[in-house]
N, C-alpha and C. Protein backbone atom coordinates (compact mmCIF):
# COMPACT_ATOMS: atom_id res chain seq x y z
N MET A 1 356.52 82.43 126.39
CA MET A 1 357.68 83.28 126.31
C MET A 1 357.25 84.72 126.59
N LEU A 2 358.10 85.42 127.30
CA LEU A 2 357.85 86.81 127.65
C LEU A 2 359.05 87.64 127.19
N ILE A 3 358.79 88.74 126.52
CA ILE A 3 359.84 89.66 126.09
C ILE A 3 359.55 91.02 126.72
N ILE A 4 360.54 91.55 127.43
CA ILE A 4 360.40 92.87 128.06
C ILE A 4 361.33 93.83 127.35
N THR A 5 360.78 94.97 126.93
CA THR A 5 361.56 96.01 126.26
C THR A 5 362.03 97.01 127.30
N HIS A 6 363.33 97.31 127.26
CA HIS A 6 363.96 98.24 128.20
C HIS A 6 364.45 99.46 127.42
N ARG A 7 365.05 100.39 128.13
CA ARG A 7 365.63 101.58 127.50
C ARG A 7 366.77 101.20 126.56
N ASP A 8 367.10 102.11 125.67
CA ASP A 8 368.27 101.99 124.79
C ASP A 8 368.23 100.72 123.92
N ASN A 9 367.03 100.32 123.49
CA ASN A 9 366.86 99.19 122.58
C ASN A 9 367.28 97.84 123.15
N PHE A 10 367.24 97.70 124.49
CA PHE A 10 367.51 96.41 125.11
C PHE A 10 366.21 95.64 125.30
N ARG A 11 366.31 94.32 125.20
CA ARG A 11 365.18 93.44 125.46
C ARG A 11 365.67 92.25 126.26
N THR A 12 364.86 91.79 127.20
CA THR A 12 365.13 90.54 127.90
C THR A 12 364.05 89.54 127.52
N VAL A 13 364.46 88.29 127.35
CA VAL A 13 363.58 87.22 126.91
C VAL A 13 363.56 86.16 127.99
N TYR A 14 362.35 85.72 128.36
CA TYR A 14 362.16 84.70 129.40
C TYR A 14 361.33 83.58 128.81
N GLY A 15 361.84 82.35 128.88
CA GLY A 15 361.12 81.20 128.35
C GLY A 15 360.97 80.13 129.41
N HIS A 16 360.15 79.13 129.14
CA HIS A 16 359.83 78.04 130.05
C HIS A 16 359.05 78.55 131.26
N LEU A 17 358.12 79.44 131.02
CA LEU A 17 357.27 79.96 132.09
C LEU A 17 355.93 79.24 132.06
N THR A 18 355.40 78.90 133.25
CA THR A 18 354.07 78.30 133.32
C THR A 18 353.00 79.37 133.37
N ASP A 19 353.31 80.47 133.99
CA ASP A 19 352.37 81.59 134.11
C ASP A 19 353.11 82.87 133.77
N ILE A 20 352.42 83.79 133.15
CA ILE A 20 352.97 85.13 132.91
C ILE A 20 352.04 86.10 133.63
N ASN A 21 352.60 86.88 134.54
CA ASN A 21 351.80 87.75 135.42
C ASN A 21 351.71 89.20 134.96
N VAL A 22 352.17 89.50 133.76
CA VAL A 22 352.07 90.85 133.23
C VAL A 22 351.37 90.80 131.87
N LEU A 23 350.78 91.90 131.50
CA LEU A 23 350.10 92.02 130.21
C LEU A 23 350.89 92.95 129.30
N GLU A 24 350.70 92.80 128.01
CA GLU A 24 351.36 93.68 127.06
C GLU A 24 351.03 95.13 127.40
N GLY A 25 352.07 95.95 127.45
CA GLY A 25 351.89 97.37 127.75
C GLY A 25 352.10 97.71 129.22
N ASN A 26 352.10 96.69 130.11
CA ASN A 26 352.35 96.96 131.53
C ASN A 26 353.78 97.43 131.75
N LYS A 27 353.97 98.34 132.71
CA LYS A 27 355.31 98.70 133.14
C LYS A 27 355.74 97.68 134.18
N VAL A 28 357.01 97.27 134.10
CA VAL A 28 357.57 96.29 135.01
C VAL A 28 358.73 96.93 135.74
N TYR A 29 358.79 96.71 137.04
CA TYR A 29 359.84 97.30 137.86
C TYR A 29 360.68 96.19 138.50
N ALA A 30 361.91 96.51 138.88
CA ALA A 30 362.78 95.54 139.54
C ALA A 30 362.06 94.96 140.75
N GLY A 31 362.09 93.65 140.86
CA GLY A 31 361.44 92.98 141.97
C GLY A 31 360.03 92.51 141.68
N ASP A 32 359.43 92.97 140.57
CA ASP A 32 358.08 92.52 140.20
C ASP A 32 358.11 91.04 139.82
N LEU A 33 357.07 90.31 140.20
CA LEU A 33 356.91 88.92 139.79
C LEU A 33 356.31 88.93 138.39
N ILE A 34 357.11 88.51 137.40
CA ILE A 34 356.64 88.54 136.01
C ILE A 34 356.08 87.19 135.57
N GLY A 35 356.41 86.12 136.28
CA GLY A 35 355.91 84.80 135.92
C GLY A 35 356.50 83.74 136.83
N ASN A 36 356.11 82.49 136.55
CA ASN A 36 356.62 81.35 137.30
C ASN A 36 357.36 80.41 136.36
N VAL A 37 358.47 79.87 136.85
CA VAL A 37 359.27 78.95 136.04
C VAL A 37 358.61 77.58 136.05
N SER A 38 358.59 76.96 134.87
CA SER A 38 357.98 75.64 134.77
C SER A 38 358.92 74.56 135.30
N GLU A 39 358.32 73.45 135.71
CA GLU A 39 359.09 72.30 136.18
C GLU A 39 359.28 71.33 135.02
N SER A 40 360.47 70.76 134.93
CA SER A 40 360.73 69.75 133.92
C SER A 40 361.39 68.56 134.61
N LEU A 41 361.74 67.54 133.86
CA LEU A 41 362.42 66.38 134.44
C LEU A 41 363.76 66.76 135.06
N GLU A 42 364.37 67.83 134.53
CA GLU A 42 365.66 68.30 135.05
C GLU A 42 365.51 69.28 136.21
N GLY A 43 364.29 69.66 136.55
CA GLY A 43 364.04 70.62 137.61
C GLY A 43 363.52 71.93 137.05
N SER A 44 363.71 73.00 137.80
CA SER A 44 363.25 74.33 137.36
C SER A 44 364.32 74.94 136.46
N ILE A 45 363.93 75.21 135.22
CA ILE A 45 364.88 75.76 134.26
C ILE A 45 364.24 76.99 133.61
N LEU A 46 364.95 78.10 133.67
CA LEU A 46 364.50 79.34 133.03
C LEU A 46 365.37 79.60 131.81
N HIS A 47 364.75 79.84 130.68
CA HIS A 47 365.47 80.28 129.49
C HIS A 47 365.52 81.80 129.54
N PHE A 48 366.73 82.37 129.48
CA PHE A 48 366.90 83.81 129.65
C PHE A 48 367.88 84.33 128.61
N GLU A 49 367.51 85.40 127.93
CA GLU A 49 368.37 86.05 126.94
C GLU A 49 368.33 87.56 127.13
N ILE A 50 369.41 88.22 126.72
CA ILE A 50 369.47 89.68 126.69
C ILE A 50 369.91 90.09 125.29
N TRP A 51 369.19 91.03 124.70
CA TRP A 51 369.49 91.53 123.36
C TRP A 51 369.58 93.04 123.36
N ASN A 52 370.49 93.58 122.57
CA ASN A 52 370.54 95.01 122.29
C ASN A 52 370.37 95.14 120.79
N GLU A 53 369.22 95.68 120.40
CA GLU A 53 368.79 95.68 119.01
C GLU A 53 368.83 94.23 118.52
N ARG A 54 369.67 93.89 117.56
CA ARG A 54 369.75 92.50 117.06
C ARG A 54 371.01 91.79 117.55
N ASN A 55 371.66 92.36 118.55
CA ASN A 55 372.92 91.82 119.06
C ASN A 55 372.71 91.09 120.38
N TYR A 56 372.99 89.79 120.38
CA TYR A 56 372.87 88.97 121.58
C TYR A 56 373.92 89.42 122.59
N GLN A 57 373.53 89.51 123.85
CA GLN A 57 374.44 89.88 124.93
C GLN A 57 374.67 88.66 125.83
N ASN A 58 375.85 88.52 126.36
CA ASN A 58 376.13 87.43 127.28
C ASN A 58 375.50 87.76 128.64
N PRO A 59 374.51 86.98 129.10
CA PRO A 59 373.85 87.29 130.37
C PRO A 59 374.81 87.32 131.56
N GLN A 60 375.89 86.53 131.50
CA GLN A 60 376.85 86.53 132.62
C GLN A 60 377.48 87.90 132.82
N ASP A 61 377.57 88.68 131.75
CA ASP A 61 378.14 90.02 131.86
C ASP A 61 377.18 90.99 132.56
N TRP A 62 375.92 90.62 132.67
CA TRP A 62 374.88 91.51 133.20
C TRP A 62 374.39 91.11 134.58
N LEU A 63 374.47 89.84 134.92
CA LEU A 63 373.91 89.36 136.19
C LEU A 63 374.87 89.59 137.34
N VAL A 64 374.33 89.98 138.48
CA VAL A 64 375.13 90.24 139.68
C VAL A 64 375.20 88.97 140.49
N LYS A 65 376.40 88.57 140.86
CA LYS A 65 376.57 87.39 141.71
C LYS A 65 376.29 87.76 143.16
N LYS A 66 375.51 86.91 143.83
CA LYS A 66 375.20 87.15 145.25
C LYS A 66 375.71 86.01 146.08
């Protein structure tokens, strides 16, 4: 599991990763490869959460549809 701390007390959580390509304390920028998603019987599944302090945020409200 990888947790990235952002401005204004936001955090993003990434689970089901086989590799994590960043170390604690590294700065991460948009487009950086932070890890690889693991394969399961159902295929590639990423666990993703967004939190503001202790308040869970709906990821659909944050993700841009392409």
